[in-house]
C-alpha cells in the first residue's frame, strides 16, 4: 500500500528543466534579468512543487549552466546552454 503520492519534481533534473522552461516563458527585464519570483510562484502554486524541490532544481540548473543566479538571489538569467535544452522539447 502506498501512502505518499508521487512528486513530479522530486527529481532535481526534472525540476531544473521545468524552471528553465518557466524562465524562458517570462519576459526578461533589463540585461535579460528574470526576477526569481516570476519562476518561483508558478512552480510553487500552479505546478504544486515544494520549496525544497524548487531549491534543488535551481541548484541543478545552475550547476548545468542553464541558469545564472545573481549573488543577491533576486534574479536569474538564461544561459546560452539552456537554448539547446529548450530546442529539444
C-alpha atoms as a PDB file:
ATOM      1  CA  UNK A   1       0.000   0.000   0.000  1.00  0.00           C
ATOM      2  CA  UNK A   2       1.326   3.398  -0.999  1.00  0.00           C
ATOM      3  CA  UNK A   3       0.693   6.258   1.394  1.00  0.00           C
ATOM      4  CA  UNK A   4       2.542   9.044  -0.369  1.00  0.00           C
ATOM      5  CA  UNK A   5       1.764  10.326  -3.821  1.00  0.00           C
ATOM      6  CA  UNK A   6       4.479  10.613  -6.443  1.00  0.00           C
ATOM      7  CA  UNK A   7       6.060  14.055  -6.636  1.00  0.00           C
ATOM      8  CA  UNK A   8       6.657  15.025 -10.284  1.00  0.00           C
ATOM      9  CA  UNK A   9       9.507  17.417  -9.389  1.00  0.00           C
ATOM     10  CA  UNK A  10      11.247  15.273  -6.774  1.00  0.00           C
ATOM     11  CA  UNK A  11      13.994  14.627  -9.335  1.00  0.00           C
ATOM     12  CA  UNK A  12      16.257  17.726  -9.486  1.00  0.00           C
ATOM     13  CA  UNK A  13      16.800  17.226 -13.246  1.00  0.00           C
ATOM     14  CA  UNK A  14      13.054  17.369 -13.913  1.00  0.00           C
ATOM     15  CA  UNK A  15      12.608  20.384 -11.638  1.00  0.00           C
ATOM     16  CA  UNK A  16      15.553  22.172 -13.287  1.00  0.00           C
ATOM     17  CA  UNK A  17      14.139  21.585 -16.766  1.00  0.00           C
ATOM     18  CA  UNK A  18      10.764  22.967 -15.663  1.00  0.00           C
ATOM     19  CA  UNK A  19      12.431  26.042 -14.127  1.00  0.00           C
ATOM     20  CA  UNK A  20      14.286  26.719 -17.370  1.00  0.00           C
ATOM     21  CA  UNK A  21      11.027  26.341 -19.273  1.00  0.00           C
ATOM     22  CA  UNK A  22       9.304  28.775 -16.899  1.00  0.00           C
ATOM     23  CA  UNK A  23      12.170  31.256 -17.173  1.00  0.00           C
ATOM     24  CA  UNK A  24      12.042  31.095 -20.970  1.00  0.00           C
ATOM     25  CA  UNK A  25       8.319  31.874 -20.911  1.00  0.00           C
ATOM     26  CA  UNK A  26       8.788  35.059 -18.843  1.00  0.00           C
ATOM     27  CA  UNK A  27       9.646  38.378 -20.447  1.00  0.00           C
ATOM     28  CA  UNK A  28      13.035  39.448 -19.126  1.00  0.00           C
ATOM     29  CA  UNK A  29      13.684  42.931 -17.821  1.00  0.00           C
ATOM     30  CA  UNK A  30      16.938  44.823 -18.445  1.00  0.00           C
ATOM     31  CA  UNK A  31      20.004  42.747 -19.321  1.00  0.00           C
ATOM     32  CA  UNK A  32      17.990  39.544 -19.568  1.00  0.00           C
ATOM     33  CA  UNK A  33      17.147  39.500 -15.862  1.00  0.00           C
ATOM     34  CA  UNK A  34      14.242  37.356 -14.767  1.00  0.00           C
ATOM     35  CA  UNK A  35      13.056  38.072 -11.260  1.00  0.00           C
ATOM     36  CA  UNK A  36      13.140  34.910  -9.174  1.00  0.00           C
ATOM     37  CA  UNK A  37       9.513  35.297  -8.068  1.00  0.00           C
ATOM     38  CA  UNK A  38       8.446  35.086 -11.726  1.00  0.00           C
ATOM     39  CA  UNK A  39       9.547  31.436 -11.770  1.00  0.00           C
ATOM     40  CA  UNK A  40       9.140  30.665  -8.076  1.00  0.00           C
ATOM     41  CA  UNK A  41       5.425  31.480  -7.807  1.00  0.00           C
ATOM     42  CA  UNK A  42       4.245  29.387 -10.782  1.00  0.00           C
ATOM     43  CA  UNK A  43       6.441  26.478  -9.681  1.00  0.00           C
ATOM     44  CA  UNK A  44       5.104  26.506  -6.126  1.00  0.00           C
ATOM     45  CA  UNK A  45       1.468  27.437  -6.620  1.00  0.00           C
ATOM     46  CA  UNK A  46       0.487  26.476 -10.158  1.00  0.00           C
ATOM     47  CA  UNK A  47       2.618  23.342 -10.523  1.00  0.00           C
ATOM     48  CA  UNK A  48       2.387  22.437  -6.799  1.00  0.00           C
ATOM     49  CA  UNK A  49       6.143  21.957  -6.419  1.00  0.00           C
ATOM     50  CA  UNK A  50       7.679  22.273  -2.958  1.00  0.00           C
ATOM     51  CA  UNK A  51      10.261  24.754  -1.761  1.00  0.00           C
ATOM     52  CA  UNK A  52      12.902  22.062  -1.456  1.00  0.00           C
ATOM     53  CA  UNK A  53      12.151  20.856  -4.994  1.00  0.00           C
ATOM     54  CA  UNK A  54      12.491  24.443  -6.234  1.00  0.00           C
ATOM     55  CA  UNK A  55      15.824  24.826  -4.432  1.00  0.00           C
ATOM     56  CA  UNK A  56      17.185  21.526  -5.719  1.00  0.00           C
ATOM     57  CA  UNK A  57      16.007  22.287  -9.262  1.00  0.00           C
ATOM     58  CA  UNK A  58      17.527  25.761  -9.187  1.00  0.00           C
ATOM     59  CA  UNK A  59      20.830  24.396  -7.888  1.00  0.00           C
ATOM     60  CA  UNK A  60      20.847  21.730 -10.599  1.00  0.00           C
ATOM     61  CA  UNK A  61      20.084  24.274 -13.342  1.00  0.00           C
ATOM     62  CA  UNK A  62      22.936  26.476 -12.122  1.00  0.00           C
ATOM     63  CA  UNK A  63      25.361  23.539 -11.976  1.00  0.00           C
ATOM     64  CA  UNK A  64      24.399  22.539 -15.529  1.00  0.00           C
ATOM     65  CA  UNK A  65      24.932  26.082 -16.750  1.00  0.00           C
ATOM     66  CA  UNK A  66      21.301  26.561 -17.777  1.00  0.00           C
ATOM     67  CA  UNK A  67      20.623  29.442 -15.372  1.00  0.00           C
ATOM     68  CA  UNK A  68      22.800  32.007 -13.657  1.00  0.00           C
ATOM     69  CA  UNK A  69      21.682  33.238 -10.234  1.00  0.00           C
ATOM     70  CA  UNK A  70      22.690  36.748  -9.219  1.00  0.00           C
ATOM     71  CA  UNK A  71      24.571  36.922  -5.919  1.00  0.00           C
ATOM     72  CA  UNK A  72      21.656  38.816  -4.362  1.00  0.00           C
ATOM     73  CA  UNK A  73      19.318  35.922  -5.201  1.00  0.00           C
ATOM     74  CA  UNK A  74      16.744  38.282  -6.680  1.00  0.00           C
ATOM     75  CA  UNK A  75      17.010  37.263 -10.305  1.00  0.00           C
ATOM     76  CA  UNK A  76      18.301  34.652 -12.742  1.00  0.00           C
ATOM     77  CA  UNK A  77      19.462  34.814 -16.331  1.00  0.00           C
ATOM     78  CA  UNK A  78      19.009  32.176 -19.013  1.00  0.00           C
ATOM     79  CA  UNK A  79      22.389  30.995 -20.208  1.00  0.00           C
ATOM     80  CA  UNK A  80      23.168  30.094 -23.840  1.00  0.00           C
ATOM     81  CA  UNK A  81      23.367  26.382 -22.953  1.00  0.00           C
ATOM     82  CA  UNK A  82      19.672  26.459 -21.997  1.00  0.00           C
ATOM     83  CA  UNK A  83      18.751  27.135 -25.631  1.00  0.00           C
ATOM     84  CA  UNK A  84      19.791  23.580 -26.554  1.00  0.00           C
ATOM     85  CA  UNK A  85      17.647  22.261 -23.726  1.00  0.00           C
ATOM     86  CA  UNK A  86      14.611  24.239 -24.898  1.00  0.00           C
ATOM     87  CA  UNK A  87      15.140  23.234 -28.540  1.00  0.00           C
ATOM     88  CA  UNK A  88      14.958  19.535 -27.612  1.00  0.00           C
ATOM     89  CA  UNK A  89      11.422  19.879 -26.257  1.00  0.00           C
END
